N, C-alpha and C. Protein backbone atom coordinates (compact mmCIF):
# COMPACT_ATOMS: atom_id res chain seq x y z
N MET A 1 -37.82 -39.33 -60.12
CA MET A 1 -36.54 -38.80 -61.22
C MET A 1 -37.65 -37.05 -60.36
N ARG A 2 -38.75 -36.99 -60.26
CA ARG A 2 -39.26 -35.57 -61.08
C ARG A 2 -38.57 -34.86 -59.16
N ALA A 3 -39.14 -35.94 -58.31
CA ALA A 3 -38.85 -36.07 -57.14
C ALA A 3 -37.57 -34.89 -56.61
N LEU A 4 -36.47 -35.54 -57.48
CA LEU A 4 -35.23 -35.60 -56.85
C LEU A 4 -35.22 -33.77 -57.40
N GLN A 5 -35.95 -33.21 -58.37
CA GLN A 5 -35.40 -32.25 -59.42
C GLN A 5 -35.90 -31.26 -58.58
N GLU A 6 -37.06 -31.79 -58.06
CA GLU A 6 -37.84 -30.77 -56.52
C GLU A 6 -36.77 -30.54 -56.11
N GLN A 7 -36.17 -31.58 -54.74
CA GLN A 7 -35.60 -31.52 -54.14
C GLN A 7 -34.35 -30.39 -54.43
N ALA A 8 -33.30 -30.70 -55.89
CA ALA A 8 -32.81 -30.06 -56.06
C ALA A 8 -33.17 -28.41 -56.27
N ILE A 9 -34.31 -28.15 -56.35
CA ILE A 9 -34.85 -26.95 -56.88
C ILE A 9 -34.61 -26.28 -55.04
N GLY A 10 -35.44 -26.83 -54.77
CA GLY A 10 -35.99 -26.54 -52.99
C GLY A 10 -34.66 -25.91 -52.23
N LEU A 11 -33.34 -27.28 -52.65
CA LEU A 11 -32.13 -26.45 -51.78
C LEU A 11 -31.26 -25.52 -52.05
N ALA A 12 -31.72 -25.29 -53.71
CA ALA A 12 -30.92 -23.92 -54.40
C ALA A 12 -32.02 -23.07 -54.37
N MET A 13 -32.78 -23.29 -53.91
CA MET A 13 -33.62 -21.95 -53.12
C MET A 13 -33.70 -21.19 -51.92
N GLY A 14 -33.61 -22.32 -51.13
CA GLY A 14 -33.14 -22.02 -49.61
C GLY A 14 -31.84 -22.15 -49.24
N THR A 15 -30.67 -22.34 -50.29
CA THR A 15 -29.32 -21.48 -49.94
C THR A 15 -29.43 -20.00 -50.16
N GLU A 16 -29.87 -19.46 -51.63
CA GLU A 16 -30.48 -18.06 -52.20
C GLU A 16 -31.10 -17.54 -50.87
N MET A 17 -31.92 -18.31 -50.18
CA MET A 17 -32.54 -17.46 -49.26
C MET A 17 -31.27 -17.06 -47.98
N GLY A 18 -31.10 -18.00 -47.93
CA GLY A 18 -29.75 -18.14 -46.69
C GLY A 18 -28.91 -16.92 -47.03
N ARG A 19 -28.48 -17.03 -48.65
CA ARG A 19 -27.48 -15.89 -48.73
C ARG A 19 -28.19 -14.66 -48.64
N GLN A 20 -29.32 -14.46 -48.81
CA GLN A 20 -29.80 -13.07 -48.84
C GLN A 20 -30.36 -12.75 -47.15
N VAL A 21 -30.45 -13.39 -46.89
CA VAL A 21 -30.50 -12.99 -45.04
C VAL A 21 -29.05 -12.93 -44.42
N ALA A 22 -27.77 -13.23 -44.99
CA ALA A 22 -26.27 -13.26 -44.71
C ALA A 22 -26.28 -11.57 -45.15
N VAL A 23 -26.74 -11.55 -46.40
CA VAL A 23 -26.29 -9.89 -46.85
C VAL A 23 -26.93 -8.44 -46.18
N VAL A 24 -28.37 -8.74 -45.89
CA VAL A 24 -28.96 -8.17 -45.01
C VAL A 24 -28.44 -7.82 -43.16
N LEU A 25 -28.17 -9.41 -42.82
CA LEU A 25 -27.54 -8.99 -42.07
C LEU A 25 -25.93 -8.32 -41.48
N TYR A 26 -25.25 -8.57 -42.87
CA TYR A 26 -24.10 -7.78 -42.94
C TYR A 26 -23.93 -6.44 -42.96
N GLY A 27 -25.47 -5.70 -43.58
CA GLY A 27 -25.51 -5.09 -43.94
C GLY A 27 -25.96 -3.96 -42.22
N VAL A 28 -26.79 -4.83 -41.75
CA VAL A 28 -27.19 -4.05 -40.67
C VAL A 28 -26.36 -4.09 -39.99
N ALA A 29 -25.00 -5.14 -39.79
CA ALA A 29 -24.43 -4.83 -38.72
C ALA A 29 -23.52 -3.73 -38.87
N MET A 30 -23.48 -3.50 -40.47
CA MET A 30 -22.08 -2.07 -41.18
C MET A 30 -23.23 -1.17 -40.62
N VAL A 31 -24.16 -0.92 -40.58
CA VAL A 31 -24.89 0.34 -40.56
C VAL A 31 -24.79 -0.08 -38.84
N ALA A 32 -25.23 -0.23 -37.78
CA ALA A 32 -24.81 -0.82 -36.34
C ALA A 32 -23.04 -0.10 -35.94
N ILE A 33 -22.32 -0.58 -36.63
CA ILE A 33 -21.16 -0.09 -36.44
C ILE A 33 -20.40 1.29 -36.20
N ILE A 34 -21.10 1.72 -37.95
CA ILE A 34 -20.76 3.31 -38.34
C ILE A 34 -21.40 3.99 -37.04
N VAL A 35 -22.88 3.71 -36.82
CA VAL A 35 -23.45 4.69 -35.66
C VAL A 35 -23.00 4.28 -34.07
N GLY A 36 -22.27 3.73 -34.29
CA GLY A 36 -21.83 3.75 -32.80
C GLY A 36 -20.53 3.97 -32.48
N VAL A 37 -20.03 4.14 -33.69
CA VAL A 37 -18.26 4.54 -33.81
C VAL A 37 -19.13 6.03 -33.60
N ASP A 38 -19.38 6.70 -34.88
CA ASP A 38 -20.21 7.74 -34.61
C ASP A 38 -20.65 8.30 -33.62
N VAL A 39 -21.38 8.45 -32.54
CA VAL A 39 -22.18 8.17 -31.53
C VAL A 39 -21.08 8.50 -29.87
N ALA A 40 -20.18 7.49 -30.58
CA ALA A 40 -18.93 7.43 -28.92
C ALA A 40 -17.87 8.18 -29.69
N PHE A 41 -17.32 8.55 -30.48
CA PHE A 41 -15.73 9.31 -30.72
C PHE A 41 -16.22 10.42 -31.76
N PHE A 42 -17.14 10.71 -32.69
CA PHE A 42 -16.81 11.48 -33.18
C PHE A 42 -18.38 12.56 -33.39
N ARG A 43 -19.27 12.91 -32.51
CA ARG A 43 -20.42 13.51 -31.85
C ARG A 43 -19.68 14.86 -33.05
N ASN A 44 -19.23 15.50 -32.29
CA ASN A 44 -18.74 17.52 -32.88
C ASN A 44 -18.24 17.20 -34.15
N HIS A 45 -17.31 16.63 -34.93
CA HIS A 45 -16.44 16.22 -35.28
C HIS A 45 -16.86 15.74 -36.84
N PHE A 46 -17.84 17.00 -38.14
CA PHE A 46 -17.94 16.48 -39.28
C PHE A 46 -17.52 15.80 -40.00
N TRP A 47 -16.03 16.12 -40.44
CA TRP A 47 -15.31 15.39 -41.20
C TRP A 47 -14.64 14.44 -40.99
N GLU A 48 -14.05 14.19 -39.58
CA GLU A 48 -13.52 13.21 -39.28
C GLU A 48 -14.37 11.69 -39.17
N ARG A 49 -15.55 12.28 -39.15
CA ARG A 49 -16.98 11.45 -39.03
C ARG A 49 -16.75 11.09 -40.40
N LEU A 50 -16.55 11.61 -41.52
CA LEU A 50 -17.34 11.32 -42.54
C LEU A 50 -16.36 10.54 -43.19
N ALA A 51 -15.09 11.28 -43.02
CA ALA A 51 -13.66 9.73 -43.11
C ALA A 51 -13.84 8.52 -42.57
N VAL A 52 -14.23 8.26 -41.27
CA VAL A 52 -14.20 6.96 -40.61
C VAL A 52 -14.88 6.42 -41.23
N ASN A 53 -16.53 6.70 -41.27
CA ASN A 53 -17.69 6.09 -42.33
C ASN A 53 -17.22 5.88 -43.60
N ILE A 54 -16.64 6.59 -44.61
CA ILE A 54 -16.22 5.98 -45.68
C ILE A 54 -15.04 5.19 -45.55
N GLY A 55 -14.35 5.01 -44.34
CA GLY A 55 -13.16 4.15 -44.43
C GLY A 55 -14.31 2.80 -43.62
N ILE A 56 -14.95 2.83 -43.66
CA ILE A 56 -15.45 1.73 -42.19
C ILE A 56 -16.34 0.90 -44.19
N VAL A 57 -16.96 1.40 -44.43
CA VAL A 57 -17.83 1.21 -45.74
C VAL A 57 -16.77 0.66 -46.65
N LEU A 58 -15.61 1.13 -47.16
CA LEU A 58 -14.08 0.27 -47.43
C LEU A 58 -14.28 -1.17 -47.81
N VAL A 59 -14.27 -0.67 -45.98
CA VAL A 59 -13.62 -2.21 -45.29
C VAL A 59 -14.91 -3.32 -45.24
N PHE A 60 -16.00 -2.62 -44.72
CA PHE A 60 -16.79 -3.60 -45.09
C PHE A 60 -16.80 -4.69 -46.65
N ALA A 61 -16.90 -3.63 -47.30
CA ALA A 61 -17.48 -3.87 -48.77
C ALA A 61 -16.12 -4.43 -49.49
N ALA A 62 -14.79 -4.32 -48.62
CA ALA A 62 -14.09 -5.18 -49.60
C ALA A 62 -13.76 -6.45 -49.01
N PHE A 63 -14.59 -6.58 -47.70
CA PHE A 63 -15.09 -8.28 -47.08
C PHE A 63 -16.12 -8.88 -47.57
N TYR A 64 -16.84 -7.71 -48.64
CA TYR A 64 -18.03 -8.34 -48.62
C TYR A 64 -17.31 -9.17 -50.30
N VAL A 65 -16.38 -8.49 -50.99
CA VAL A 65 -16.12 -8.76 -51.88
C VAL A 65 -15.01 -10.39 -52.30
N SER A 66 -14.58 -9.95 -51.33
CA SER A 66 -13.64 -11.70 -50.77
C SER A 66 -14.14 -12.71 -50.15
N PHE A 67 -15.54 -12.46 -49.43
CA PHE A 67 -16.03 -13.55 -48.89
C PHE A 67 -17.53 -14.03 -49.22
N LEU A 68 -18.44 -12.97 -49.58
CA LEU A 68 -19.37 -12.96 -49.59
C LEU A 68 -19.95 -12.92 -51.11
N SER A 69 -19.08 -12.44 -51.69
CA SER A 69 -19.06 -12.22 -53.75
C SER A 69 -19.50 -13.76 -54.34
N ARG A 70 -20.14 -13.85 -54.45
CA ARG A 70 -21.09 -15.39 -55.78
C ARG A 70 -19.26 -15.32 -56.51
N PRO A 71 -18.96 -17.07 -56.29
CA PRO A 71 -17.89 -17.34 -57.15
C PRO A 71 -17.85 -17.11 -58.39
């Protein structure tokens, strides 16, 4: 019985760590997309770049809430 409990705790910790890795990778992907779009399209256009960056963050936030947030 004790071994089963320890295994369940280990699985729960493994899924939590996997979730943290997924969130970190999600954040890195968001930063990479923002920087890539800034450099490629909006280098000298401050207000347009700011608006697009806010839009990208809102899209990523919507996907995070929809798919990665806890049930």
